[in-house]
Each structure stands twice: as structure tokens, then as C-alpha cells.
Amino acid sequence: MKKWLRTAAMSTAVLMIVFTAAYAVNSGYGSSAVEENKTYNLDQMLPYAIEDEYLARARYSSDIEKFGAQRPFTNILEAENMHIMLLKPLFEKYNVAVPEDIAMQYITVPDSLLGAMKAGIEGESNNMHMYDIFLKQTLPDDVRSVFTVLRNAAEHHLHAFQRNAGRLEGSFSGRNRQ
């Protein structure tokens, strides 16, 4: 009976974290709009990419506001601003309209710092997956280069959030590097 209660409690806790950590799940905004095994053109990929970078920026800005200026949020927020700057010239070059930044309407801030780290893990995983899908498409070299840089940055951000979540859970035994 105790084992069953413990399992039920753990399952409930995991579900709560997943549901509170989700920032833009199935919203049709950013990476949540991108589907596996579908073909995309630049008019679709560029807006989805910048929307997802807007989401990350809004997410980490809100996390800093709630939990204070601390790593990895501060470092990654700075990187998200750079990612947006990398994408904007592609919009001009390929004559694609830059979407308005409405990301704040798609986010909620988790109640705990651990929840924010786990939401960061989810967001960066989704971002990587989106770029993996885009990199399978036929792309101009400059777009492929920027998407590759952004995909690799998301992987680094993912590792930073995993390290910090592990530290908060007590399962990380190492230096907290970004």
C-alpha cells in the first residue's frame, strides 16, 4: 500500500511539473507549430524560428523577474537576444515579414526554480527538435548556417538547465558551469 501511494504521489508530481512547465505546447506558435515529416519553406521556417526565440526570451525574462538574476537564465537570455539578431537579416534578405513578438501571451512562470529549470529543459529540447526538422529541408547556405548555430546553442542551453535542475534535485555532483 505504501509503495502504491508513493508511486501515485510521484506520478502526480511528474504530471504537475509537466503541465506547469509547458509554455507553448500545441499553441501553433514557435516550435509547437512544427511537425515531424512535413515540408516547410522559408516563409514558414523563419517565422517559427524567431517565434521560438521570442518564447525563450520571454520565458527567461519572466524567470529572472520571479526568481532573481541568476545563471543560467541571465546567460541564456543574453544568448536569446543574439539568436533573434542572427535571424532578422534572413527575413530581410528573403523578403519574409518579421512576426510581432507576442510571446508573453504564451508563457506562464512555474512556481518553483526547479520547475523553471525543467521548463527550460523542455523549451530547449523543443527548440532543438524544430531546428533538426528544419535542417532536413532544402535550405540556402546562410539559413542552414544560422539554423545550425541556433540548434547547437539550444543543445548547450539544454545541458545548462539539466545541470542546474540536477543540482536543485541533489543529483548533480560537479561544478555548475554554463
N, C-alpha and C. Protein backbone atom coordinates (compact mmCIF):
# COMPACT_ATOMS: atom_id res chain seq x y z
N MET A 1 0.82 -1.19 0.00
CA MET A 1 0.00 0.00 0.00
C MET A 1 0.87 1.26 0.00
N LYS A 2 1.93 1.27 0.84
CA LYS A 2 2.81 2.42 0.88
C LYS A 2 3.50 2.63 -0.46
N LYS A 3 3.90 1.52 -1.08
CA LYS A 3 4.57 1.60 -2.37
C LYS A 3 3.62 2.18 -3.41
N TRP A 4 2.37 1.77 -3.39
CA TRP A 4 1.38 2.27 -4.34
C TRP A 4 1.16 3.76 -4.13
N LEU A 5 1.03 4.19 -2.87
CA LEU A 5 0.83 5.61 -2.57
C LEU A 5 2.02 6.44 -3.02
N ARG A 6 3.21 5.93 -2.78
CA ARG A 6 4.42 6.63 -3.19
C ARG A 6 4.47 6.75 -4.72
N THR A 7 4.13 5.67 -5.41
CA THR A 7 4.11 5.69 -6.87
C THR A 7 3.06 6.68 -7.39
N ALA A 8 1.88 6.67 -6.77
CA ALA A 8 0.82 7.59 -7.18
C ALA A 8 1.24 9.04 -6.93
N ALA A 9 1.87 9.29 -5.80
CA ALA A 9 2.32 10.64 -5.48
C ALA A 9 3.39 11.11 -6.46
N MET A 10 4.33 10.24 -6.79
CA MET A 10 5.38 10.58 -7.75
C MET A 10 4.79 10.85 -9.13
N SER A 11 3.85 10.01 -9.54
CA SER A 11 3.21 10.20 -10.85
C SER A 11 2.48 11.53 -10.91
N THR A 12 1.77 11.85 -9.85
CA THR A 12 1.06 13.13 -9.78
C THR A 12 2.03 14.29 -9.83
N ALA A 13 3.13 14.19 -9.10
CA ALA A 13 4.13 15.26 -9.09
C ALA A 13 4.73 15.46 -10.48
N VAL A 14 5.05 14.37 -11.16
CA VAL A 14 5.62 14.46 -12.51
C VAL A 14 4.63 15.12 -13.46
N LEU A 15 3.37 14.71 -13.39
CA LEU A 15 2.35 15.32 -14.25
C LEU A 15 2.19 16.81 -13.97
N MET A 16 2.24 17.18 -12.70
CA MET A 16 2.11 18.60 -12.35
C MET A 16 3.27 19.40 -12.92
N ILE A 17 4.47 18.85 -12.83
CA ILE A 17 5.64 19.54 -13.37
C ILE A 17 5.52 19.68 -14.87
N VAL A 18 5.11 18.60 -15.54
CA VAL A 18 4.98 18.64 -17.00
C VAL A 18 3.95 19.68 -17.41
N PHE A 19 2.80 19.70 -16.75
CA PHE A 19 1.75 20.63 -17.16
C PHE A 19 2.07 22.06 -16.77
N THR A 20 2.73 22.29 -15.64
CA THR A 20 3.07 23.68 -15.29
C THR A 20 4.30 24.16 -16.04
N ALA A 21 5.13 23.22 -16.49
CA ALA A 21 6.33 23.62 -17.21
C ALA A 21 6.05 23.97 -18.67
N ALA A 22 4.96 23.50 -19.20
CA ALA A 22 4.66 23.72 -20.61
C ALA A 22 4.35 25.19 -20.86
N TYR A 23 5.13 25.80 -21.73
CA TYR A 23 4.94 27.22 -22.01
C TYR A 23 4.08 27.45 -23.24
N ALA A 24 4.29 26.70 -24.27
CA ALA A 24 3.57 26.99 -25.50
C ALA A 24 3.17 25.70 -26.21
N VAL A 25 2.84 24.68 -25.45
CA VAL A 25 2.50 23.39 -26.02
C VAL A 25 1.25 23.51 -26.87
N ASN A 26 1.33 23.02 -28.10
CA ASN A 26 0.21 22.98 -29.04
C ASN A 26 -0.43 24.35 -29.26
N SER A 27 0.34 25.39 -29.19
CA SER A 27 -0.22 26.73 -29.36
C SER A 27 -0.20 27.18 -30.82
N GLY A 28 0.53 26.48 -31.67
CA GLY A 28 0.68 26.93 -33.04
C GLY A 28 1.67 28.07 -33.15
N TYR A 29 2.44 28.30 -32.11
CA TYR A 29 3.42 29.39 -32.05
C TYR A 29 4.79 28.79 -31.83
N GLY A 30 5.77 29.23 -32.60
CA GLY A 30 7.13 28.72 -32.42
C GLY A 30 7.23 27.24 -32.73
N SER A 31 8.05 26.55 -31.97
CA SER A 31 8.31 25.13 -32.24
C SER A 31 7.08 24.25 -32.09
N SER A 32 6.08 24.70 -31.34
CA SER A 32 4.87 23.87 -31.16
C SER A 32 4.08 23.74 -32.46
N ALA A 33 4.34 24.59 -33.43
CA ALA A 33 3.63 24.54 -34.71
C ALA A 33 4.31 23.60 -35.71
N VAL A 34 5.52 23.17 -35.39
CA VAL A 34 6.33 22.38 -36.33
C VAL A 34 6.07 20.90 -36.11
N GLU A 35 5.82 20.20 -37.22
CA GLU A 35 5.52 18.77 -37.17
C GLU A 35 6.59 17.96 -37.89
N GLU A 36 6.82 16.79 -37.37
CA GLU A 36 7.76 15.84 -37.97
C GLU A 36 7.25 15.43 -39.35
N ASN A 37 8.17 15.11 -40.26
CA ASN A 37 7.83 14.59 -41.59
C ASN A 37 6.95 15.51 -42.41
N LYS A 38 7.10 16.79 -42.23
CA LYS A 38 6.37 17.78 -43.01
C LYS A 38 7.40 18.67 -43.71
N THR A 39 7.08 19.13 -44.89
CA THR A 39 7.98 20.00 -45.63
C THR A 39 7.63 21.45 -45.33
N TYR A 40 8.65 22.25 -45.09
CA TYR A 40 8.48 23.67 -44.78
C TYR A 40 9.27 24.51 -45.77
N ASN A 41 8.77 25.72 -46.02
CA ASN A 41 9.51 26.68 -46.84
C ASN A 41 10.00 27.80 -45.92
N LEU A 42 10.82 28.69 -46.48
CA LEU A 42 11.39 29.77 -45.66
C LEU A 42 10.32 30.68 -45.07
N ASP A 43 9.22 30.88 -45.81
CA ASP A 43 8.12 31.72 -45.30
C ASP A 43 7.50 31.14 -44.04
N GLN A 44 7.68 29.84 -43.81
CA GLN A 44 7.18 29.20 -42.60
C GLN A 44 8.28 29.05 -41.56
N MET A 45 9.45 28.58 -42.01
CA MET A 45 10.53 28.28 -41.07
C MET A 45 11.04 29.51 -40.33
N LEU A 46 11.27 30.58 -41.06
CA LEU A 46 11.82 31.77 -40.40
C LEU A 46 10.89 32.32 -39.32
N PRO A 47 9.59 32.48 -39.60
CA PRO A 47 8.70 32.94 -38.51
C PRO A 47 8.65 31.98 -37.32
N TYR A 48 8.56 30.67 -37.58
CA TYR A 48 8.54 29.71 -36.46
C TYR A 48 9.82 29.82 -35.64
N ALA A 49 10.95 29.97 -36.34
CA ALA A 49 12.24 30.05 -35.64
C ALA A 49 12.30 31.28 -34.74
N ILE A 50 11.94 32.44 -35.27
CA ILE A 50 12.05 33.65 -34.44
C ILE A 50 10.99 33.65 -33.34
N GLU A 51 9.82 33.09 -33.62
CA GLU A 51 8.80 32.97 -32.56
C GLU A 51 9.33 32.13 -31.40
N ASP A 52 10.03 31.05 -31.72
CA ASP A 52 10.55 30.20 -30.65
C ASP A 52 11.65 30.91 -29.87
N GLU A 53 12.44 31.72 -30.55
CA GLU A 53 13.45 32.52 -29.86
C GLU A 53 12.78 33.61 -29.01
N TYR A 54 11.69 34.20 -29.52
CA TYR A 54 10.91 35.15 -28.71
C TYR A 54 10.38 34.46 -27.45
N LEU A 55 9.88 33.23 -27.62
CA LEU A 55 9.36 32.49 -26.46
C LEU A 55 10.44 32.29 -25.41
N ALA A 56 11.61 31.86 -25.86
CA ALA A 56 12.71 31.63 -24.92
C ALA A 56 13.07 32.93 -24.20
N ARG A 57 13.15 34.02 -24.94
CA ARG A 57 13.48 35.30 -24.33
C ARG A 57 12.43 35.71 -23.29
N ALA A 58 11.16 35.56 -23.64
CA ALA A 58 10.08 35.91 -22.71
C ALA A 58 10.10 35.01 -21.49
N ARG A 59 10.35 33.72 -21.72
CA ARG A 59 10.38 32.73 -20.64
C ARG A 59 11.48 33.08 -19.64
N TYR A 60 12.69 33.32 -20.15
CA TYR A 60 13.82 33.55 -19.24
C TYR A 60 13.75 34.93 -18.60
N SER A 61 13.20 35.90 -19.30
CA SER A 61 12.99 37.23 -18.68
C SER A 61 12.02 37.11 -17.52
N SER A 62 10.95 36.35 -17.71
CA SER A 62 9.96 36.16 -16.65
C SER A 62 10.53 35.37 -15.49
N ASP A 63 11.36 34.37 -15.80
CA ASP A 63 12.00 33.59 -14.74
C ASP A 63 12.93 34.48 -13.91
N ILE A 64 13.68 35.36 -14.57
CA ILE A 64 14.57 36.28 -13.86
C ILE A 64 13.75 37.22 -12.99
N GLU A 65 12.65 37.71 -13.51
CA GLU A 65 11.79 38.60 -12.74
C GLU A 65 11.27 37.91 -11.48
N LYS A 66 10.91 36.63 -11.60
CA LYS A 66 10.34 35.92 -10.46
C LYS A 66 11.40 35.39 -9.49
N PHE A 67 12.49 34.85 -10.03
CA PHE A 67 13.48 34.15 -9.19
C PHE A 67 14.78 34.92 -8.99
N GLY A 68 14.90 36.07 -9.61
CA GLY A 68 16.11 36.87 -9.47
C GLY A 68 17.10 36.60 -10.60
N ALA A 69 18.04 37.52 -10.76
CA ALA A 69 19.05 37.41 -11.81
C ALA A 69 20.07 36.37 -11.41
N GLN A 70 19.99 35.21 -12.05
CA GLN A 70 20.92 34.13 -11.75
C GLN A 70 21.13 33.28 -12.98
N ARG A 71 22.25 32.58 -12.97
CA ARG A 71 22.55 31.65 -14.05
C ARG A 71 21.71 30.39 -13.88
N PRO A 72 21.33 29.76 -14.95
CA PRO A 72 21.70 30.02 -16.33
C PRO A 72 20.79 31.03 -17.04
N PHE A 73 19.74 31.50 -16.36
CA PHE A 73 18.77 32.38 -17.03
C PHE A 73 19.41 33.63 -17.62
N THR A 74 20.29 34.29 -16.86
CA THR A 74 20.88 35.54 -17.33
C THR A 74 21.75 35.31 -18.57
N ASN A 75 22.57 34.27 -18.53
CA ASN A 75 23.44 33.98 -19.68
C ASN A 75 22.62 33.60 -20.91
N ILE A 76 21.62 32.78 -20.70
CA ILE A 76 20.84 32.29 -21.83
C ILE A 76 19.93 33.39 -22.38
N LEU A 77 19.44 34.26 -21.53
CA LEU A 77 18.64 35.39 -22.01
C LEU A 77 19.47 36.25 -22.97
N GLU A 78 20.70 36.50 -22.61
CA GLU A 78 21.60 37.27 -23.48
C GLU A 78 21.78 36.55 -24.82
N ALA A 79 21.93 35.23 -24.76
CA ALA A 79 22.08 34.44 -25.99
C ALA A 79 20.82 34.51 -26.85
N GLU A 80 19.65 34.47 -26.22
CA GLU A 80 18.40 34.52 -26.99
C GLU A 80 18.29 35.84 -27.76
N ASN A 81 18.71 36.93 -27.15
CA ASN A 81 18.73 38.21 -27.86
C ASN A 81 19.64 38.14 -29.08
N MET A 82 20.77 37.48 -28.94
CA MET A 82 21.70 37.30 -30.06
C MET A 82 21.07 36.42 -31.14
N HIS A 83 20.36 35.39 -30.74
CA HIS A 83 19.71 34.50 -31.72
C HIS A 83 18.71 35.28 -32.58
N ILE A 84 17.95 36.14 -31.94
CA ILE A 84 16.97 36.96 -32.67
C ILE A 84 17.70 37.87 -33.65
N MET A 85 18.82 38.44 -33.22
CA MET A 85 19.61 39.31 -34.10
C MET A 85 20.19 38.53 -35.28
N LEU A 86 20.54 37.26 -35.07
CA LEU A 86 21.05 36.44 -36.17
C LEU A 86 19.96 36.13 -37.20
N LEU A 87 18.74 35.96 -36.74
CA LEU A 87 17.64 35.62 -37.64
C LEU A 87 17.13 36.81 -38.45
N LYS A 88 17.10 37.98 -37.88
CA LYS A 88 16.46 39.14 -38.53
C LYS A 88 17.01 39.47 -39.92
N PRO A 89 18.32 39.43 -40.17
CA PRO A 89 18.79 39.71 -41.53
C PRO A 89 18.27 38.72 -42.58
N LEU A 90 17.98 37.49 -42.16
CA LEU A 90 17.45 36.50 -43.09
C LEU A 90 16.04 36.87 -43.55
N PHE A 91 15.27 37.46 -42.65
CA PHE A 91 13.93 37.91 -43.02
C PHE A 91 14.01 38.96 -44.13
N GLU A 92 14.93 39.90 -43.95
CA GLU A 92 15.08 40.96 -44.95
C GLU A 92 15.58 40.39 -46.28
N LYS A 93 16.61 39.55 -46.20
CA LYS A 93 17.20 39.00 -47.42
C LYS A 93 16.20 38.19 -48.22
N TYR A 94 15.37 37.40 -47.54
CA TYR A 94 14.43 36.51 -48.24
C TYR A 94 13.01 37.08 -48.29
N ASN A 95 12.89 38.38 -47.97
CA ASN A 95 11.62 39.10 -48.08
C ASN A 95 10.48 38.39 -47.34
N VAL A 96 10.76 38.05 -46.09
CA VAL A 96 9.76 37.42 -45.22
C VAL A 96 9.45 38.42 -44.10
N ALA A 97 8.19 38.61 -43.83
CA ALA A 97 7.79 39.56 -42.78
C ALA A 97 8.19 39.03 -41.40
N VAL A 98 8.80 39.88 -40.61
CA VAL A 98 9.17 39.52 -39.23
C VAL A 98 7.91 39.58 -38.38
N PRO A 99 7.54 38.46 -37.74
CA PRO A 99 6.33 38.49 -36.91
C PRO A 99 6.53 39.34 -35.66
N GLU A 100 5.44 39.89 -35.19
CA GLU A 100 5.44 40.67 -33.96
C GLU A 100 5.78 39.74 -32.79
N ASP A 101 6.46 40.27 -31.81
CA ASP A 101 6.79 39.48 -30.62
C ASP A 101 5.60 39.51 -29.66
N ILE A 102 4.82 38.43 -29.68
CA ILE A 102 3.67 38.29 -28.78
C ILE A 102 3.87 37.10 -27.84
N ALA A 103 5.12 36.74 -27.63
CA ALA A 103 5.44 35.53 -26.86
C ALA A 103 4.94 35.57 -25.43
N MET A 104 4.88 36.74 -24.82
CA MET A 104 4.47 36.81 -23.41
C MET A 104 3.08 36.22 -23.19
N GLN A 105 2.23 36.25 -24.21
CA GLN A 105 0.89 35.70 -24.02
C GLN A 105 0.88 34.18 -24.02
N TYR A 106 1.99 33.56 -24.38
CA TYR A 106 2.06 32.10 -24.44
C TYR A 106 2.79 31.47 -23.26
N ILE A 107 3.30 32.27 -22.35
CA ILE A 107 4.09 31.69 -21.27
C ILE A 107 3.40 31.84 -19.92
N THR A 108 3.75 30.92 -19.05
CA THR A 108 3.42 31.02 -17.63
C THR A 108 4.71 30.69 -16.89
N VAL A 109 4.89 31.30 -15.76
CA VAL A 109 6.11 31.07 -15.00
C VAL A 109 5.83 30.00 -13.95
N PRO A 110 6.64 28.95 -13.91
CA PRO A 110 6.45 27.91 -12.90
C PRO A 110 6.56 28.48 -11.48
N ASP A 111 6.02 27.74 -10.53
CA ASP A 111 6.01 28.17 -9.13
C ASP A 111 7.36 28.03 -8.44
N SER A 112 8.22 27.17 -8.98
CA SER A 112 9.49 26.91 -8.30
C SER A 112 10.65 27.09 -9.27
N LEU A 113 11.82 27.29 -8.71
CA LEU A 113 13.03 27.39 -9.52
C LEU A 113 13.29 26.08 -10.25
N LEU A 114 13.07 24.96 -9.58
CA LEU A 114 13.23 23.66 -10.24
C LEU A 114 12.25 23.54 -11.41
N GLY A 115 11.02 23.97 -11.21
CA GLY A 115 10.04 23.95 -12.29
C GLY A 115 10.50 24.80 -13.47
N ALA A 116 11.11 25.94 -13.19
CA ALA A 116 11.63 26.81 -14.25
C ALA A 116 12.77 26.13 -15.00
N MET A 117 13.64 25.43 -14.27
CA MET A 117 14.73 24.69 -14.91
C MET A 117 14.17 23.60 -15.81
N LYS A 118 13.18 22.88 -15.32
CA LYS A 118 12.58 21.81 -16.11
C LYS A 118 11.84 22.36 -17.32
N ALA A 119 11.22 23.52 -17.17
CA ALA A 119 10.57 24.17 -18.31
C ALA A 119 11.63 24.60 -19.33
N GLY A 120 12.78 25.05 -18.85
CA GLY A 120 13.88 25.39 -19.74
C GLY A 120 14.36 24.17 -20.51
N ILE A 121 14.43 23.03 -19.82
CA ILE A 121 14.81 21.77 -20.48
C ILE A 121 13.82 21.45 -21.59
N GLU A 122 12.55 21.56 -21.28
CA GLU A 122 11.52 21.26 -22.28
C GLU A 122 11.59 22.24 -23.46
N GLY A 123 11.71 23.52 -23.15
CA GLY A 123 11.76 24.52 -24.22
C GLY A 123 12.96 24.35 -25.13
N GLU A 124 14.12 24.10 -24.55
CA GLU A 124 15.33 23.92 -25.36
C GLU A 124 15.28 22.62 -26.15
N SER A 125 14.70 21.57 -25.58
CA SER A 125 14.52 20.31 -26.32
C SER A 125 13.62 20.52 -27.52
N ASN A 126 12.52 21.23 -27.32
CA ASN A 126 11.60 21.52 -28.42
C ASN A 126 12.27 22.38 -29.48
N ASN A 127 13.08 23.34 -29.05
CA ASN A 127 13.79 24.21 -29.97
C ASN A 127 14.77 23.40 -30.82
N MET A 128 15.52 22.50 -30.19
CA MET A 128 16.45 21.64 -30.92
C MET A 128 15.71 20.79 -31.94
N HIS A 129 14.60 20.21 -31.51
CA HIS A 129 13.82 19.34 -32.39
C HIS A 129 13.32 20.12 -33.61
N MET A 130 12.85 21.34 -33.39
CA MET A 130 12.39 22.18 -34.50
C MET A 130 13.53 22.41 -35.50
N TYR A 131 14.71 22.78 -35.00
CA TYR A 131 15.83 23.02 -35.90
C TYR A 131 16.28 21.73 -36.58
N ASP A 132 16.21 20.60 -35.90
CA ASP A 132 16.53 19.32 -36.54
C ASP A 132 15.61 19.07 -37.73
N ILE A 133 14.32 19.36 -37.56
CA ILE A 133 13.36 19.20 -38.66
C ILE A 133 13.70 20.17 -39.80
N PHE A 134 13.98 21.41 -39.47
CA PHE A 134 14.30 22.40 -40.50
C PHE A 134 15.58 22.05 -41.25
N LEU A 135 16.56 21.52 -40.54
CA LEU A 135 17.84 21.20 -41.17
C LEU A 135 17.74 20.01 -42.12
N LYS A 136 16.63 19.28 -42.10
CA LYS A 136 16.39 18.20 -43.07
C LYS A 136 15.82 18.75 -44.38
N GLN A 137 15.42 20.02 -44.38
CA GLN A 137 14.82 20.66 -45.55
C GLN A 137 15.93 21.17 -46.48
N THR A 138 15.54 21.50 -47.70
CA THR A 138 16.45 22.17 -48.63
C THR A 138 16.51 23.64 -48.21
N LEU A 139 17.72 24.10 -47.90
CA LEU A 139 17.90 25.45 -47.36
C LEU A 139 19.04 26.17 -48.07
N PRO A 140 18.93 27.49 -48.20
CA PRO A 140 20.10 28.26 -48.65
C PRO A 140 21.22 28.12 -47.60
N ASP A 141 22.45 28.24 -48.05
CA ASP A 141 23.59 28.03 -47.15
C ASP A 141 23.57 28.94 -45.93
N ASP A 142 23.21 30.21 -46.11
CA ASP A 142 23.22 31.13 -44.96
C ASP A 142 22.15 30.76 -43.93
N VAL A 143 21.01 30.31 -44.39
CA VAL A 143 19.94 29.88 -43.47
C VAL A 143 20.37 28.61 -42.75
N ARG A 144 20.95 27.67 -43.49
CA ARG A 144 21.43 26.43 -42.88
C ARG A 144 22.47 26.74 -41.81
N SER A 145 23.36 27.67 -42.10
CA SER A 145 24.40 28.04 -41.14
C SER A 145 23.79 28.62 -39.86
N VAL A 146 22.85 29.56 -39.99
CA VAL A 146 22.23 30.16 -38.81
C VAL A 146 21.42 29.12 -38.04
N PHE A 147 20.65 28.30 -38.73
CA PHE A 147 19.86 27.27 -38.04
C PHE A 147 20.77 26.28 -37.31
N THR A 148 21.91 25.96 -37.89
CA THR A 148 22.86 25.05 -37.23
C THR A 148 23.42 25.69 -35.96
N VAL A 149 23.79 26.95 -36.05
CA VAL A 149 24.29 27.67 -34.87
C VAL A 149 23.23 27.68 -33.77
N LEU A 150 21.98 27.98 -34.14
CA LEU A 150 20.91 28.07 -33.15
C LEU A 150 20.58 26.70 -32.56
N ARG A 151 20.62 25.68 -33.37
CA ARG A 151 20.37 24.32 -32.88
C ARG A 151 21.45 23.91 -31.87
N ASN A 152 22.69 24.20 -32.20
CA ASN A 152 23.79 23.85 -31.30
C ASN A 152 23.74 24.67 -30.01
N ALA A 153 23.33 25.93 -30.11
CA ALA A 153 23.19 26.76 -28.91
C ALA A 153 22.11 26.19 -28.00
N ALA A 154 21.00 25.74 -28.60
CA ALA A 154 19.92 25.14 -27.80
C ALA A 154 20.42 23.91 -27.06
N GLU A 155 21.30 23.15 -27.69
CA GLU A 155 21.86 21.97 -27.02
C GLU A 155 22.70 22.39 -25.81
N HIS A 156 23.48 23.44 -25.95
CA HIS A 156 24.27 23.94 -24.82
C HIS A 156 23.35 24.46 -23.70
N HIS A 157 22.30 25.16 -24.09
CA HIS A 157 21.34 25.66 -23.09
C HIS A 157 20.66 24.50 -22.37
N LEU A 158 20.30 23.48 -23.13
CA LEU A 158 19.68 22.29 -22.55
C LEU A 158 20.58 21.70 -21.47
N HIS A 159 21.86 21.55 -21.78
CA HIS A 159 22.79 20.98 -20.79
C HIS A 159 22.91 21.86 -19.55
N ALA A 160 22.89 23.18 -19.73
CA ALA A 160 22.96 24.09 -18.58
C ALA A 160 21.74 23.91 -17.68
N PHE A 161 20.56 23.80 -18.29
CA PHE A 161 19.35 23.60 -17.49
C PHE A 161 19.36 22.23 -16.82
N GLN A 162 19.84 21.21 -17.52
CA GLN A 162 19.91 19.88 -16.92
C GLN A 162 20.85 19.87 -15.71
N ARG A 163 22.00 20.52 -15.84
CA ARG A 163 22.94 20.60 -14.71
C ARG A 163 22.30 21.30 -13.52
N ASN A 164 21.65 22.42 -13.78
CA ASN A 164 21.05 23.18 -12.69
C ASN A 164 19.86 22.46 -12.07
N ALA A 165 19.06 21.79 -12.88
CA ALA A 165 17.95 21.00 -12.34
C ALA A 165 18.50 19.87 -11.48
N GLY A 166 19.55 19.22 -11.96
CA GLY A 166 20.18 18.15 -11.19
C GLY A 166 20.72 18.65 -9.86
N ARG A 167 21.31 19.82 -9.89
CA ARG A 167 21.83 20.41 -8.65
C ARG A 167 20.69 20.67 -7.67
N LEU A 168 19.60 21.22 -8.17
CA LEU A 168 18.45 21.51 -7.31
C LEU A 168 17.80 20.24 -6.77
N GLU A 169 17.88 19.18 -7.56
CA GLU A 169 17.33 17.89 -7.11
C GLU A 169 18.33 17.12 -6.25
N GLY A 170 19.55 17.62 -6.17
CA GLY A 170 20.57 16.96 -5.37
C GLY A 170 21.26 15.82 -6.08
N SER A 171 21.09 15.73 -7.42
CA SER A 171 21.69 14.61 -8.14
C SER A 171 22.87 15.04 -8.99
N PHE A 172 23.29 16.29 -8.88
CA PHE A 172 24.42 16.77 -9.67
C PHE A 172 25.62 16.91 -8.75
N SER A 173 26.70 16.28 -9.13
CA SER A 173 27.91 16.39 -8.30
C SER A 173 29.05 16.90 -9.17
N GLY A 174 29.07 18.15 -9.37
CA GLY A 174 30.12 18.75 -10.18
C GLY A 174 29.98 20.25 -10.15
N ARG A 175 30.87 20.87 -10.85
CA ARG A 175 30.85 22.32 -10.91
C ARG A 175 29.71 22.79 -11.78
N ASN A 176 29.02 23.80 -11.35
CA ASN A 176 27.89 24.35 -12.10
C ASN A 176 28.42 25.33 -13.15
N ARG A 177 28.73 24.80 -14.32
CA ARG A 177 29.27 25.63 -15.41
C ARG A 177 28.16 25.91 -16.41
N GLN A 178 28.31 26.98 -17.12
CA GLN A 178 27.35 27.33 -18.17
C GLN A 178 28.01 27.11 -19.49
